[in-house]
Amino acid sequence: MIFICYPRCTTCKKAQKWLDDNGLKYELRDIKENNPTYDELKNWHSKSGLPLKKFFNTSGLLYKSMELKDKLPTMSEDEQLKLLATDGMLVKRPILVSDNTVFVGFKEADWEKLK
């Protein structure tokens, strides 16, 4: 599994602790240092079954400063994926990618399915 996070994010810290406490092995990836690529995001989006909007960090400063709340509805999926690939701080985190699923954000009840 790949665990994509922002090390200073408290939710990411909780998620990482949960993974460690449950003995799950993962590769750690800092989203700010190693932003997801367009192809990765496209793949994860299709595997997750989630609406693309769920991949945006809607509470982030960059999201707000770019006024994306108003812009996203008029953007194509391709444009949104390209935008997400420009800066890791636009992407909701943590993201946990396994062979057959992708979790965006930390919901312990969902993550329990990994055990």
PDB file of N, CA and C in Angstrom:
ATOM      1  N   MET A   1       0.840  -1.186   0.000  1.00  0.00           N
ATOM      2  CA  MET A   1       0.000   0.000   0.000  1.00  0.00           C
ATOM      3  C   MET A   1       0.883   1.245   0.000  1.00  0.00           C
ATOM      4  N   ILE A   2       0.319   2.302  -0.552  1.00  0.00           N
ATOM      5  CA  ILE A   2       0.998   3.600  -0.504  1.00  0.00           C
ATOM      6  C   ILE A   2       0.149   4.517   0.366  1.00  0.00           C
ATOM      7  N   PHE A   3       0.785   5.130   1.337  1.00  0.00           N
ATOM      8  CA  PHE A   3       0.129   6.070   2.236  1.00  0.00           C
ATOM      9  C   PHE A   3       0.632   7.461   1.885  1.00  0.00           C
ATOM     10  N   ILE A   4      -0.244   8.259   1.263  1.00  0.00           N
ATOM     11  CA  ILE A   4       0.128   9.605   0.831  1.00  0.00           C
ATOM     12  C   ILE A   4      -0.412  10.581   1.865  1.00  0.00           C
ATOM     13  N   CYS A   5       0.495  11.381   2.432  1.00  0.00           N
ATOM     14  CA  CYS A   5       0.077  12.265   3.510  1.00  0.00           C
ATOM     15  C   CYS A   5       0.898  13.550   3.513  1.00  0.00           C
ATOM     16  N   TYR A   6       0.471  14.456   4.368  1.00  0.00           N
ATOM     17  CA  TYR A   6       1.222  15.666   4.661  1.00  0.00           C
ATOM     18  C   TYR A   6       1.630  15.522   6.121  1.00  0.00           C
ATOM     19  N   PRO A   7       2.927  15.376   6.412  1.00  0.00           N
ATOM     20  CA  PRO A   7       3.382  15.033   7.759  1.00  0.00           C
ATOM     21  C   PRO A   7       2.894  15.956   8.882  1.00  0.00           C
ATOM     22  N   ARG A   8       2.593  17.214   8.572  1.00  0.00           N
ATOM     23  CA  ARG A   8       2.150  18.127   9.630  1.00  0.00           C
ATOM     24  C   ARG A   8       0.629  18.099   9.846  1.00  0.00           C
ATOM     25  N   CYS A   9      -0.070  17.326   9.038  1.00  0.00           N
ATOM     26  CA  CYS A   9      -1.532  17.227   9.125  1.00  0.00           C
ATOM     27  C   CYS A   9      -1.920  16.289  10.276  1.00  0.00           C
ATOM     28  N   THR A  10      -2.777  16.768  11.184  1.00  0.00           N
ATOM     29  CA  THR A  10      -3.153  15.951  12.345  1.00  0.00           C
ATOM     30  C   THR A  10      -3.956  14.715  11.931  1.00  0.00           C
ATOM     31  N   THR A  11      -4.815  14.842  10.924  1.00  0.00           N
ATOM     32  CA  THR A  11      -5.577  13.689  10.456  1.00  0.00           C
ATOM     33  C   THR A  11      -4.639  12.637   9.863  1.00  0.00           C
ATOM     34  N   CYS A  12      -3.621  13.093   9.145  1.00  0.00           N
ATOM     35  CA  CYS A  12      -2.640  12.163   8.572  1.00  0.00           C
ATOM     36  C   CYS A  12      -1.884  11.435   9.682  1.00  0.00           C
ATOM     37  N   LYS A  13      -1.558  12.162  10.743  1.00  0.00           N
ATOM     38  CA  LYS A  13      -0.858  11.543  11.872  1.00  0.00           C
ATOM     39  C   LYS A  13      -1.729  10.464  12.519  1.00  0.00           C
ATOM     40  N   LYS A  14      -3.026  10.758  12.667  1.00  0.00           N
ATOM     41  CA  LYS A  14      -3.958   9.774  13.240  1.00  0.00           C
ATOM     42  C   LYS A  14      -4.039   8.541  12.354  1.00  0.00           C
ATOM     43  N   ALA A  15      -4.123   8.770  11.044  1.00  0.00           N
ATOM     44  CA  ALA A  15      -4.226   7.664  10.095  1.00  0.00           C
ATOM     45  C   ALA A  15      -2.965   6.806  10.121  1.00  0.00           C
ATOM     46  N   GLN A  16      -1.804   7.450  10.191  1.00  0.00           N
ATOM     47  CA  GLN A  16      -0.549   6.710  10.224  1.00  0.00           C
ATOM     48  C   GLN A  16      -0.442   5.893  11.507  1.00  0.00           C
ATOM     49  N   LYS A  17      -0.872   6.466  12.609  1.00  0.00           N
ATOM     50  CA  LYS A  17      -0.861   5.743  13.875  1.00  0.00           C
ATOM     51  C   LYS A  17      -1.784   4.526  13.783  1.00  0.00           C
ATOM     52  N   TRP A  18      -2.945   4.698  13.156  1.00  0.00           N
ATOM     53  CA  TRP A  18      -3.884   3.593  12.990  1.00  0.00           C
ATOM     54  C   TRP A  18      -3.245   2.472  12.166  1.00  0.00           C
ATOM     55  N   LEU A  19      -2.594   2.839  11.059  1.00  0.00           N
ATOM     56  CA  LEU A  19      -1.917   1.835  10.233  1.00  0.00           C
ATOM     57  C   LEU A  19      -0.859   1.088  11.041  1.00  0.00           C
ATOM     58  N   ASP A  20      -0.052   1.843  11.791  1.00  0.00           N
ATOM     59  CA  ASP A  20       1.003   1.232  12.607  1.00  0.00           C
ATOM     60  C   ASP A  20       0.414   0.343  13.701  1.00  0.00           C
ATOM     61  N   ASP A  21      -0.612   0.854  14.391  1.00  0.00           N
ATOM     62  CA  ASP A  21      -1.239   0.090  15.475  1.00  0.00           C
ATOM     63  C   ASP A  21      -1.857  -1.210  14.975  1.00  0.00           C
ATOM     64  N   ASN A  22      -2.279  -1.222  13.715  1.00  0.00           N
ATOM     65  CA  ASN A  22      -2.911  -2.413  13.142  1.00  0.00           C
ATOM     66  C   ASN A  22      -1.939  -3.280  12.346  1.00  0.00           C
ATOM     67  N   GLY A  23      -0.647  -2.914  12.416  1.00  0.00           N
ATOM     68  CA  GLY A  23       0.393  -3.735  11.805  1.00  0.00           C
ATOM     69  C   GLY A  23       0.342  -3.808  10.284  1.00  0.00           C
ATOM     70  N   LEU A  24      -0.222  -2.790   9.667  1.00  0.00           N
ATOM     71  CA  LEU A  24      -0.309  -2.783   8.199  1.00  0.00           C
ATOM     72  C   LEU A  24       0.942  -2.149   7.606  1.00  0.00           C
ATOM     73  N   LYS A  25       1.475  -2.772   6.597  1.00  0.00           N
ATOM     74  CA  LYS A  25       2.697  -2.280   5.950  1.00  0.00           C
ATOM     75  C   LYS A  25       2.320  -1.313   4.828  1.00  0.00           C
ATOM     76  N   TYR A  26       3.118  -0.257   4.693  1.00  0.00           N
ATOM     77  CA  TYR A  26       2.843   0.757   3.683  1.00  0.00           C
ATOM     78  C   TYR A  26       4.117   1.504   3.330  1.00  0.00           C
ATOM     79  N   GLU A  27       4.057   2.133   2.171  1.00  0.00           N
ATOM     80  CA  GLU A  27       5.129   3.028   1.734  1.00  0.00           C
ATOM     81  C   GLU A  27       4.636   4.448   1.996  1.00  0.00           C
ATOM     82  N   LEU A  28       5.410   5.226   2.729  1.00  0.00           N
ATOM     83  CA  LEU A  28       5.032   6.600   3.077  1.00  0.00           C
ATOM     84  C   LEU A  28       5.464   7.567   1.974  1.00  0.00           C
ATOM     85  N   ARG A  29       4.549   8.450   1.615  1.00  0.00           N
ATOM     86  CA  ARG A  29       4.849   9.434   0.578  1.00  0.00           C
ATOM     87  C   ARG A  29       4.323  10.799   1.009  1.00  0.00           C
ATOM     88  N   ASP A  30       5.209  11.793   1.054  1.00  0.00           N
ATOM     89  CA  ASP A  30       4.854  13.161   1.435  1.00  0.00           C
ATOM     90  C   ASP A  30       4.233  13.854   0.225  1.00  0.00           C
ATOM     91  N   ILE A  31       2.976  14.250   0.358  1.00  0.00           N
ATOM     92  CA  ILE A  31       2.232  14.824  -0.763  1.00  0.00           C
ATOM     93  C   ILE A  31       2.789  16.173  -1.219  1.00  0.00           C
ATOM     94  N   LYS A  32       3.442  16.886  -0.304  1.00  0.00           N
ATOM     95  CA  LYS A  32       4.012  18.180  -0.675  1.00  0.00           C
ATOM     96  C   LYS A  32       5.321  18.002  -1.460  1.00  0.00           C
ATOM     97  N   GLU A  33       6.093  16.992  -1.087  1.00  0.00           N
ATOM     98  CA  GLU A  33       7.371  16.719  -1.750  1.00  0.00           C
ATOM     99  C   GLU A  33       7.200  15.922  -3.046  1.00  0.00           C
ATOM    100  N   ASN A  34       6.189  15.068  -3.071  1.00  0.00           N
ATOM    101  CA  ASN A  34       5.997  14.161  -4.202  1.00  0.00           C
ATOM    102  C   ASN A  34       4.512  14.143  -4.568  1.00  0.00           C
ATOM    103  N   ASN A  35       4.094  15.208  -5.244  1.00  0.00           N
ATOM    104  CA  ASN A  35       2.696  15.383  -5.618  1.00  0.00           C
ATOM    105  C   ASN A  35       2.225  14.259  -6.539  1.00  0.00           C
ATOM    106  N   PRO A  36       0.994  13.793  -6.334  1.00  0.00           N
ATOM    107  CA  PRO A  36       0.455  12.792  -7.264  1.00  0.00           C
ATOM    108  C   PRO A  36       0.428  13.333  -8.693  1.00  0.00           C
ATOM    109  N   THR A  37       0.707  12.458  -9.637  1.00  0.00           N
ATOM    110  CA  THR A  37       0.702  12.849 -11.044  1.00  0.00           C
ATOM    111  C   THR A  37      -0.724  12.766 -11.597  1.00  0.00           C
ATOM    112  N   TYR A  38      -0.894  13.339 -12.750  1.00  0.00           N
ATOM    113  CA  TYR A  38      -2.184  13.286 -13.447  1.00  0.00           C
ATOM    114  C   TYR A  38      -2.630  11.828 -13.614  1.00  0.00           C
ATOM    115  N   ASP A  39      -1.728  10.970 -14.091  1.00  0.00           N
ATOM    116  CA  ASP A  39      -2.076   9.564 -14.331  1.00  0.00           C
ATOM    117  C   ASP A  39      -2.434   8.834 -13.039  1.00  0.00           C
ATOM    118  N   GLU A  40      -1.680   9.112 -11.973  1.00  0.00           N
ATOM    119  CA  GLU A  40      -1.995   8.487 -10.679  1.00  0.00           C
ATOM    120  C   GLU A  40      -3.388   8.924 -10.219  1.00  0.00           C
ATOM    121  N   LEU A  41      -3.639  10.223 -10.270  1.00  0.00           N
ATOM    122  CA  LEU A  41      -4.929  10.741  -9.820  1.00  0.00           C
ATOM    123  C   LEU A  41      -6.082  10.166 -10.641  1.00  0.00           C
ATOM    124  N   LYS A  42      -5.880  10.061 -11.935  1.00  0.00           N
ATOM    125  CA  LYS A  42      -6.925   9.504 -12.810  1.00  0.00           C
ATOM    126  C   LYS A  42      -7.204   8.052 -12.431  1.00  0.00           C
ATOM    127  N   ASN A  43      -6.149   7.284 -12.207  1.00  0.00           N
ATOM    128  CA  ASN A  43      -6.277   5.882 -11.810  1.00  0.00           C
ATOM    129  C   ASN A  43      -6.956   5.766 -10.442  1.00  0.00           C
ATOM    130  N   TRP A  44      -6.489   6.546  -9.474  1.00  0.00           N
ATOM    131  CA  TRP A  44      -7.061   6.487  -8.123  1.00  0.00           C
ATOM    132  C   TRP A  44      -8.524   6.901  -8.131  1.00  0.00           C
ATOM    133  N   HIS A  45      -8.840   7.908  -8.910  1.00  0.00           N
ATOM    134  CA  HIS A  45     -10.228   8.366  -8.993  1.00  0.00           C
ATOM    135  C   HIS A  45     -11.122   7.234  -9.493  1.00  0.00           C
ATOM    136  N   SER A  46     -10.701   6.547 -10.540  1.00  0.00           N
ATOM    137  CA  SER A  46     -11.539   5.472 -11.076  1.00  0.00           C
ATOM    138  C   SER A  46     -11.631   4.297 -10.099  1.00  0.00           C
ATOM    139  N   LYS A  47     -10.537   3.985  -9.389  1.00  0.00           N
ATOM    140  CA  LYS A  47     -10.556   2.879  -8.409  1.00  0.00           C
ATOM    141  C   LYS A  47     -11.394   3.213  -7.180  1.00  0.00           C
ATOM    142  N   SER A  48     -11.440   4.491  -6.811  1.00  0.00           N
ATOM    143  CA  SER A  48     -12.117   4.882  -5.573  1.00  0.00           C
ATOM    144  C   SER A  48     -13.629   4.837  -5.681  1.00  0.00           C
ATOM    145  N   GLY A  49     -14.157   5.102  -6.887  1.00  0.00           N
ATOM    146  CA  GLY A  49     -15.606   5.183  -7.044  1.00  0.00           C
ATOM    147  C   GLY A  49     -16.189   6.470  -6.484  1.00  0.00           C
ATOM    148  N   LEU A  50     -15.323   7.387  -6.073  1.00  0.00           N
ATOM    149  CA  LEU A  50     -15.767   8.653  -5.489  1.00  0.00           C
ATOM    150  C   LEU A  50     -15.907   9.736  -6.555  1.00  0.00           C
ATOM    151  N   PRO A  51     -16.752  10.747  -6.283  1.00  0.00           N
ATOM    152  CA  PRO A  51     -16.775  11.904  -7.180  1.00  0.00           C
ATOM    153  C   PRO A  51     -15.409  12.602  -7.107  1.00  0.00           C
ATOM    154  N   LEU A  52     -14.975  13.180  -8.203  1.00  0.00           N
ATOM    155  CA  LEU A  52     -13.657  13.815  -8.243  1.00  0.00           C
ATOM    156  C   LEU A  52     -13.521  14.929  -7.217  1.00  0.00           C
ATOM    157  N   LYS A  53     -14.612  15.609  -6.904  1.00  0.00           N
ATOM    158  CA  LYS A  53     -14.570  16.702  -5.918  1.00  0.00           C
ATOM    159  C   LYS A  53     -14.021  16.212  -4.574  1.00  0.00           C
ATOM    160  N   LYS A  54     -14.213  14.942  -4.262  1.00  0.00           N
ATOM    161  CA  LYS A  54     -13.729  14.384  -2.985  1.00  0.00           C
ATOM    162  C   LYS A  54     -12.199  14.364  -2.913  1.00  0.00           C
ATOM    163  N   PHE A  55     -11.526  14.512  -4.046  1.00  0.00           N
ATOM    164  CA  PHE A  55     -10.064  14.524  -4.066  1.00  0.00           C
ATOM    165  C   PHE A  55      -9.494  15.915  -3.782  1.00  0.00           C
ATOM    166  N   PHE A  56     -10.352  16.916  -3.714  1.00  0.00           N
ATOM    167  CA  PHE A  56      -9.888  18.280  -3.435  1.00  0.00           C
ATOM    168  C   PHE A  56      -9.895  18.556  -1.939  1.00  0.00           C
ATOM    169  N   ASN A  57      -8.848  19.212  -1.474  1.00  0.00           N
ATOM    170  CA  ASN A  57      -8.730  19.634  -0.083  1.00  0.00           C
ATOM    171  C   ASN A  57      -9.517  20.938   0.074  1.00  0.00           C
ATOM    172  N   THR A  58     -10.827  20.794   0.256  1.00  0.00           N
ATOM    173  CA  THR A  58     -11.716  21.956   0.260  1.00  0.00           C
ATOM    174  C   THR A  58     -11.510  22.877   1.461  1.00  0.00           C
ATOM    175  N   SER A  59     -10.829  22.399   2.484  1.00  0.00           N
ATOM    176  CA  SER A  59     -10.574  23.267   3.640  1.00  0.00           C
ATOM    177  C   SER A  59      -9.199  23.936   3.564  1.00  0.00           C
ATOM    178  N   GLY A  60      -8.444  23.638   2.507  1.00  0.00           N
ATOM    179  CA  GLY A  60      -7.096  24.184   2.371  1.00  0.00           C
ATOM    180  C   GLY A  60      -7.074  25.641   1.937  1.00  0.00           C
ATOM    181  N   LEU A  61      -6.014  26.324   2.326  1.00  0.00           N
ATOM    182  CA  LEU A  61      -5.860  27.733   1.975  1.00  0.00           C
ATOM    183  C   LEU A  61      -5.759  27.943   0.472  1.00  0.00           C
ATOM    184  N   LEU A  62      -5.047  27.053  -0.212  1.00  0.00           N
ATOM    185  CA  LEU A  62      -4.874  27.199  -1.653  1.00  0.00           C
ATOM    186  C   LEU A  62      -6.207  27.042  -2.378  1.00  0.00           C
ATOM    187  N   TYR A  63      -7.003  26.065  -1.970  1.00  0.00           N
ATOM    188  CA  TYR A  63      -8.331  25.851  -2.555  1.00  0.00           C
ATOM    189  C   TYR A  63      -9.172  27.115  -2.421  1.00  0.00           C
ATOM    190  N   LYS A  64      -9.136  27.690  -1.222  1.00  0.00           N
ATOM    191  CA  LYS A  64      -9.936  28.890  -0.954  1.00  0.00           C
ATOM    192  C   LYS A  64      -9.407  30.100  -1.712  1.00  0.00           C
ATOM    193  N   SER A  65      -8.086  30.279  -1.726  1.00  0.00           N
ATOM    194  CA  SER A  65      -7.514  31.451  -2.401  1.00  0.00           C
ATOM    195  C   SER A  65      -7.738  31.403  -3.914  1.00  0.00           C
ATOM    196  N   MET A  66      -7.836  30.192  -4.463  1.00  0.00           N
ATOM    197  CA  MET A  66      -8.081  30.049  -5.903  1.00  0.00           C
ATOM    198  C   MET A  66      -9.571  30.087  -6.241  1.00  0.00           C
ATOM    199  N   GLU A  67     -10.410  30.217  -5.192  1.00  0.00           N
ATOM    200  CA  GLU A  67     -11.869  30.272  -5.347  1.00  0.00           C
ATOM    201  C   GLU A  67     -12.403  29.072  -6.138  1.00  0.00           C
ATOM    202  N   LEU A  68     -11.878  27.899  -5.813  1.00  0.00           N
ATOM    203  CA  LEU A  68     -12.233  26.697  -6.567  1.00  0.00           C
ATOM    204  C   LEU A  68     -13.667  26.235  -6.327  1.00  0.00           C
ATOM    205  N   LYS A  69     -14.240  26.632  -5.198  1.00  0.00           N
ATOM    206  CA  LYS A  69     -15.630  26.263  -4.929  1.00  0.00           C
ATOM    207  C   LYS A  69     -16.527  26.718  -6.085  1.00  0.00           C
ATOM    208  N   ASP A  70     -16.245  27.898  -6.611  1.00  0.00           N
ATOM    209  CA  ASP A  70     -17.044  28.446  -7.706  1.00  0.00           C
ATOM    210  C   ASP A  70     -16.584  27.950  -9.078  1.00  0.00           C
ATOM    211  N   LYS A  71     -15.306  27.586  -9.192  1.00  0.00           N
ATOM    212  CA  LYS A  71     -14.745  27.224 -10.500  1.00  0.00           C
ATOM    213  C   LYS A  71     -14.920  25.750 -10.859  1.00  0.00           C
ATOM    214  N   LEU A  72     -14.845  24.863  -9.855  1.00  0.00           N
ATOM    215  CA  LEU A  72     -14.898  23.418 -10.136  1.00  0.00           C
ATOM    216  C   LEU A  72     -16.130  22.976 -10.930  1.00  0.00           C
ATOM    217  N   PRO A  73     -17.320  23.486 -10.596  1.00  0.00           N
ATOM    218  CA  PRO A  73     -18.502  23.010 -11.326  1.00  0.00           C
ATOM    219  C   PRO A  73     -18.442  23.249 -12.841  1.00  0.00           C
ATOM    220  N   THR A  74     -17.675  24.223 -13.273  1.00  0.00           N
ATOM    221  CA  THR A  74     -17.608  24.523 -14.710  1.00  0.00           C
ATOM    222  C   THR A  74     -16.390  23.885 -15.384  1.00  0.00           C
ATOM    223  N   MET A  75     -15.556  23.217 -14.596  1.00  0.00           N
ATOM    224  CA  MET A  75     -14.351  22.590 -15.148  1.00  0.00           C
ATOM    225  C   MET A  75     -14.630  21.147 -15.550  1.00  0.00           C
ATOM    226  N   SER A  76     -13.991  20.702 -16.619  1.00  0.00           N
ATOM    227  CA  SER A  76     -14.115  19.297 -17.027  1.00  0.00           C
ATOM    228  C   SER A  76     -13.328  18.427 -16.047  1.00  0.00           C
ATOM    229  N   GLU A  77     -13.601  17.134 -16.073  1.00  0.00           N
ATOM    230  CA  GLU A  77     -12.865  16.193 -15.220  1.00  0.00           C
ATOM    231  C   GLU A  77     -11.369  16.252 -15.546  1.00  0.00           C
ATOM    232  N   ASP A  78     -11.053  16.342 -16.820  1.00  0.00           N
ATOM    233  CA  ASP A  78      -9.658  16.411 -17.252  1.00  0.00           C
ATOM    234  C   ASP A  78      -8.978  17.665 -16.688  1.00  0.00           C
ATOM    235  N   GLU A  79      -9.655  18.794 -16.740  1.00  0.00           N
ATOM    236  CA  GLU A  79      -9.097  20.046 -16.202  1.00  0.00           C
ATOM    237  C   GLU A  79      -8.893  19.940 -14.692  1.00  0.00           C
ATOM    238  N   GLN A  80      -9.836  19.311 -14.004  1.00  0.00           N
ATOM    239  CA  GLN A  80      -9.718  19.146 -12.552  1.00  0.00           C
ATOM    240  C   GLN A  80      -8.532  18.257 -12.198  1.00  0.00           C
ATOM    241  N   LEU A  81      -8.357  17.162 -12.926  1.00  0.00           N
ATOM    242  CA  LEU A  81      -7.227  16.260 -12.672  1.00  0.00           C
ATOM    243  C   LEU A  81      -5.901  16.976 -12.918  1.00  0.00           C
ATOM    244  N   LYS A  82      -5.831  17.748 -13.996  1.00  0.00           N
ATOM    245  CA  LYS A  82      -4.607  18.499 -14.295  1.00  0.00           C
ATOM    246  C   LYS A  82      -4.318  19.504 -13.184  1.00  0.00           C
ATOM    247  N   LEU A  83      -5.352  20.163 -12.677  1.00  0.00           N
ATOM    248  CA  LEU A  83      -5.181  21.125 -11.587  1.00  0.00           C
ATOM    249  C   LEU A  83      -4.683  20.428 -10.322  1.00  0.00           C
ATOM    250  N   LEU A  84      -5.290  19.305  -9.965  1.00  0.00           N
ATOM    251  CA  LEU A  84      -4.858  18.548  -8.783  1.00  0.00           C
ATOM    252  C   LEU A  84      -3.396  18.139  -8.885  1.00  0.00           C
ATOM    253  N   ALA A  85      -2.946  17.825 -10.077  1.00  0.00           N
ATOM    254  CA  ALA A  85      -1.572  17.363 -10.285  1.00  0.00           C
ATOM    255  C   ALA A  85      -0.550  18.498 -10.174  1.00  0.00           C
ATOM    256  N   THR A  86      -1.008  19.751 -10.094  1.00  0.00           N
ATOM    257  CA  THR A  86      -0.077  20.877 -10.027  1.00  0.00           C
ATOM    258  C   THR A  86       0.470  21.127  -8.629  1.00  0.00           C
ATOM    259  N   ASP A  87      -0.290  20.758  -7.588  1.00  0.00           N
ATOM    260  CA  ASP A  87       0.131  21.086  -6.223  1.00  0.00           C
ATOM    261  C   ASP A  87      -0.506  20.120  -5.231  1.00  0.00           C
ATOM    262  N   GLY A  88       0.328  19.432  -4.466  1.00  0.00           N
ATOM    263  CA  GLY A  88      -0.161  18.471  -3.485  1.00  0.00           C
ATOM    264  C   GLY A  88      -1.058  19.072  -2.422  1.00  0.00           C
ATOM    265  N   MET A  89      -0.937  20.383  -2.199  1.00  0.00           N
ATOM    266  CA  MET A  89      -1.754  21.009  -1.173  1.00  0.00           C
ATOM    267  C   MET A  89      -3.214  21.176  -1.625  1.00  0.00           C
ATOM    268  N   LEU A  90      -3.486  20.953  -2.895  1.00  0.00           N
ATOM    269  CA  LEU A  90      -4.869  20.972  -3.390  1.00  0.00           C
ATOM    270  C   LEU A  90      -5.563  19.634  -3.150  1.00  0.00           C
ATOM    271  N   VAL A  91      -4.777  18.605  -2.895  1.00  0.00           N
ATOM    272  CA  VAL A  91      -5.303  17.239  -2.808  1.00  0.00           C
ATOM    273  C   VAL A  91      -5.676  16.893  -1.370  1.00  0.00           C
ATOM    274  N   LYS A  92      -6.873  16.338  -1.204  1.00  0.00           N
ATOM    275  CA  LYS A  92      -7.309  15.885   0.123  1.00  0.00           C
ATOM    276  C   LYS A  92      -6.401  14.758   0.577  1.00  0.00           C
ATOM    277  N   ARG A  93      -6.133  14.730   1.838  1.00  0.00           N
ATOM    278  CA  ARG A  93      -5.253  13.715   2.388  1.00  0.00           C
ATOM    279  C   ARG A  93      -5.786  13.278   3.747  1.00  0.00           C
ATOM    280  N   PRO A  94      -5.347  12.148   4.206  1.00  0.00           N
ATOM    281  CA  PRO A  94      -4.450  11.207   3.548  1.00  0.00           C
ATOM    282  C   PRO A  94      -5.160  10.436   2.438  1.00  0.00           C
ATOM    283  N   ILE A  95      -4.353   9.846   1.585  1.00  0.00           N
ATOM    284  CA  ILE A  95      -4.852   8.918   0.574  1.00  0.00           C
ATOM    285  C   ILE A  95      -4.131   7.593   0.815  1.00  0.00           C
ATOM    286  N   LEU A  96      -4.905   6.537   0.844  1.00  0.00           N
ATOM    287  CA  LEU A  96      -4.333   5.203   1.011  1.00  0.00           C
ATOM    288  C   LEU A  96      -4.681   4.392  -0.227  1.00  0.00           C
ATOM    289  N   VAL A  97      -3.656   3.940  -0.926  1.00  0.00           N
ATOM    290  CA  VAL A  97      -3.844   3.202  -2.171  1.00  0.00           C
ATOM    291  C   VAL A  97      -3.383   1.766  -1.967  1.00  0.00           C
ATOM    292  N   SER A  98      -4.305   0.839  -2.178  1.00  0.00           N
ATOM    293  CA  SER A  98      -3.939  -0.579  -2.149  1.00  0.00           C
ATOM    294  C   SER A  98      -4.204  -1.152  -3.536  1.00  0.00           C
ATOM    295  N   ASP A  99      -4.001  -2.441  -3.696  1.00  0.00           N
ATOM    296  CA  ASP A  99      -4.176  -3.062  -5.013  1.00  0.00           C
ATOM    297  C   ASP A  99      -5.585  -2.881  -5.563  1.00  0.00           C
ATOM    298  N   ASN A 100      -6.576  -2.931  -4.676  1.00  0.00           N
ATOM    299  CA  ASN A 100      -7.941  -2.908  -5.193  1.00  0.00           C
ATOM    300  C   ASN A 100      -8.822  -1.782  -4.667  1.00  0.00           C
ATOM    301  N   THR A 101      -8.273  -0.888  -3.871  1.00  0.00           N
ATOM    302  CA  THR A 101      -9.104   0.210  -3.375  1.00  0.00           C
ATOM    303  C   THR A 101      -8.274   1.467  -3.103  1.00  0.00           C
ATOM    304  N   VAL A 102      -8.985   2.581  -3.024  1.00  0.00           N
ATOM    305  CA  VAL A 102      -8.368   3.868  -2.703  1.00  0.00           C
ATOM    306  C   VAL A 102      -9.256   4.554  -1.674  1.00  0.00           C
ATOM    307  N   PHE A 103      -8.659   4.934  -0.548  1.00  0.00           N
ATOM    308  CA  PHE A 103      -9.382   5.702   0.466  1.00  0.00           C
ATOM    309  C   PHE A 103      -8.859   7.128   0.449  1.00  0.00           C
ATOM    310  N   VAL A 104      -9.778   8.080   0.438  1.00  0.00           N
ATOM    311  CA  VAL A 104      -9.419   9.499   0.470  1.00  0.00           C
ATOM    312  C   VAL A 104      -9.952  10.060   1.781  1.00  0.00           C
ATOM    313  N   GLY A 105      -9.057  10.620   2.589  1.00  0.00           N
ATOM    314  CA  GLY A 105      -9.438  11.057   3.927  1.00  0.00           C
ATOM    315  C   GLY A 105      -9.366   9.867   4.869  1.00  0.00           C
ATOM    316  N   PHE A 106      -9.456  10.129   6.156  1.00  0.00           N
ATOM    317  CA  PHE A 106      -9.354   9.044   7.134  1.00  0.00           C
ATOM    318  C   PHE A 106     -10.691   8.838   7.819  1.00  0.00           C
ATOM    319  N   LYS A 107     -11.351   7.731   7.461  1.00  0.00           N
ATOM    320  CA  LYS A 107     -12.562   7.290   8.148  1.00  0.00           C
ATOM    321  C   LYS A 107     -12.244   5.896   8.657  1.00  0.00           C
ATOM    322  N   GLU A 108     -12.059   5.803   9.950  1.00  0.00           N
ATOM    323  CA  GLU A 108     -11.602   4.550  10.542  1.00  0.00           C
ATOM    324  C   GLU A 108     -12.488   3.368  10.155  1.00  0.00           C
ATOM    325  N   ALA A 109     -13.798   3.580  10.105  1.00  0.00           N
ATOM    326  CA  ALA A 109     -14.718   2.485   9.759  1.00  0.00           C
ATOM    327  C   ALA A 109     -14.425   1.933   8.370  1.00  0.00           C
ATOM    328  N   ASP A 110     -14.088   2.812   7.429  1.00  0.00           N
ATOM    329  CA  ASP A 110     -13.735   2.357   6.079  1.00  0.00           C
ATOM    330  C   ASP A 110     -12.415   1.604   6.100  1.00  0.00           C
ATOM    331  N   TRP A 111     -11.450   2.176   6.791  1.00  0.00           N
ATOM    332  CA  TRP A 111     -10.113   1.585   6.821  1.00  0.00           C
ATOM    333  C   TRP A 111     -10.106   0.217   7.504  1.00  0.00           C
ATOM    334  N   GLU A 112     -11.071  -0.035   8.392  1.00  0.00           N
ATOM    335  CA  GLU A 112     -11.182  -1.334   9.086  1.00  0.00           C
ATOM    336  C   GLU A 112     -11.277  -2.475   8.080  1.00  0.00           C
ATOM    337  N   LYS A 113     -11.810  -2.201   6.889  1.00  0.00           N
ATOM    338  CA  LYS A 113     -11.968  -3.228   5.859  1.00  0.00           C
ATOM    339  C   LYS A 113     -10.623  -3.766   5.372  1.00  0.00           C
ATOM    340  N   LEU A 114      -9.556  -3.057   5.670  1.00  0.00           N
ATOM    341  CA  LEU A 114      -8.222  -3.482   5.231  1.00  0.00           C
ATOM    342  C   LEU A 114      -7.669  -4.631   6.076  1.00  0.00           C
ATOM    343  N   LYS A 115      -8.207  -4.785   7.271  1.00  0.00           N
ATOM    344  CA  LYS A 115      -7.666  -5.780   8.197  1.00  0.00           C
ATOM    345  C   LYS A 115      -8.074  -7.189   7.827  1.00  0.00           C
TER     346      LYS A 115
END
